[in-house]
Amino acid sequence: MIDKTEKNIIRYRYGEANFCYIEKFDDVEKAADPQSKGEFVEVKVNNIKFDFTKVKEENGREPNGRDQEEPAKDKGLTEKEKWFVCQAFAES
């Protein structure tokens, strides 16, 4: 059977880069003032270095099917752990 639901997988790539932001001005004083805004021309990006990548489905789930939820240790003791705690108290 073919799954007809559309899946959107999103890849997040984290890293660093150098850029050059180019603007046009009609006056030297305005161009020299870092607070003034000129007419945008372009941005040149170079020396891109990726540190790590994360892949997720668009609905917030990881592609392996696991939901992003709190770890088991934050949920409290599991049934097996509760049994061991009860046994330890019974023996003491």
Protein backbone atom coordinates (compact mmCIF):
# COMPACT_ATOMS: atom_id res chain seq x y z
CA MET A 1 0.00 0.00 0.00
CA ILE A 2 1.32 3.45 -0.89
CA ASP A 3 1.31 6.16 1.75
CA LYS A 4 -0.34 9.13 0.04
CA THR A 5 0.22 11.59 2.87
CA GLU A 6 2.80 14.18 1.99
CA LYS A 7 5.85 14.22 4.20
CA ASN A 8 7.96 17.32 4.53
CA ILE A 9 11.39 16.67 5.92
CA ILE A 10 13.32 19.74 7.08
CA ARG A 11 17.09 19.87 7.42
CA TYR A 12 18.67 22.44 9.75
CA ARG A 13 22.35 23.10 9.11
CA TYR A 14 24.21 25.02 11.78
CA GLY A 15 27.56 26.67 11.25
CA GLU A 16 29.30 29.94 10.56
CA ALA A 17 30.22 32.11 7.59
CA ASN A 18 31.64 35.49 6.57
CA PHE A 19 29.50 37.97 4.70
CA CYS A 20 29.73 41.33 2.99
CA TYR A 21 26.56 43.48 3.09
CA ILE A 22 26.58 46.07 0.29
CA GLU A 23 24.49 49.28 0.31
CA LYS A 24 24.33 52.37 -1.93
CA PHE A 25 24.30 55.94 -0.56
CA ASP A 26 23.98 59.34 -2.19
CA ASP A 27 26.13 61.13 0.41
CA VAL A 28 29.53 60.39 1.99
CA GLU A 29 28.41 61.46 5.48
CA LYS A 30 25.43 59.07 5.38
CA ALA A 31 27.65 56.22 4.19
CA ALA A 32 30.15 56.86 6.98
CA ASP A 33 27.44 56.81 9.68
CA PRO A 34 26.92 53.18 10.85
CA GLN A 35 23.33 53.98 11.99
CA SER A 36 22.09 55.15 8.57
CA LYS A 37 20.38 52.79 6.15
CA GLY A 38 21.22 52.83 2.46
CA GLU A 39 19.70 51.20 -0.59
CA PHE A 40 20.32 47.45 -0.44
CA VAL A 41 22.48 46.11 -3.29
CA GLU A 42 23.51 42.56 -2.33
CA VAL A 43 25.00 40.26 0.29
CA LYS A 44 28.03 38.14 -0.54
CA VAL A 45 28.53 35.06 1.64
CA ASN A 46 31.75 33.06 1.72
CA ASN A 47 33.81 30.73 3.93
CA ILE A 48 30.76 28.68 4.92
CA LYS A 49 31.57 26.05 7.56
CA PHE A 50 28.89 23.61 8.75
CA ASP A 51 29.24 22.39 12.33
CA PHE A 52 26.30 19.98 12.56
CA THR A 53 22.98 19.07 10.94
CA LYS A 54 19.54 18.16 12.35
CA VAL A 55 16.77 16.50 10.34
CA LYS A 56 13.11 16.64 11.41
CA GLU A 57 9.68 16.17 9.92
CA GLU A 58 7.69 19.36 9.55
CA ASN A 59 5.21 18.32 12.26
CA GLY A 60 8.00 18.21 14.86
CA ARG A 61 8.67 14.47 14.79
CA GLU A 62 12.03 12.96 14.11
CA PRO A 63 12.24 10.86 10.91
CA ASN A 64 12.78 7.64 12.89
CA GLY A 65 9.21 7.94 14.22
CA ARG A 66 9.98 8.91 17.79
CA ASP A 67 8.11 11.86 19.19
CA GLN A 68 10.06 14.63 20.79
CA GLU A 69 9.04 14.21 24.37
CA GLU A 70 10.62 14.48 27.75
CA PRO A 71 13.13 11.78 28.70
CA ALA A 72 11.95 8.80 30.77
CA LYS A 73 13.90 10.02 33.80
CA ASP A 74 11.69 13.14 33.91
CA LYS A 75 8.50 11.06 33.85
CA GLY A 76 9.30 9.29 37.11
CA LEU A 77 10.08 5.67 37.89
CA THR A 78 9.23 2.89 35.47
CA GLU A 79 7.23 -0.11 36.69
CA LYS A 80 10.41 -2.20 36.91
CA GLU A 81 12.18 0.49 38.96
CA LYS A 82 9.17 0.74 41.30
CA TRP A 83 9.30 -3.02 41.85
CA PHE A 84 13.00 -2.87 42.80
CA VAL A 85 12.38 0.01 45.21
CA CYS A 86 9.54 -1.92 46.88
CA GLN A 87 11.76 -5.02 47.19
CA ALA A 88 14.55 -2.97 48.76
CA PHE A 89 12.19 -1.54 51.40
CA ALA A 90 10.69 -4.98 52.10
CA GLU A 91 14.15 -6.47 52.74
CA SER A 92 15.26 -3.71 55.13
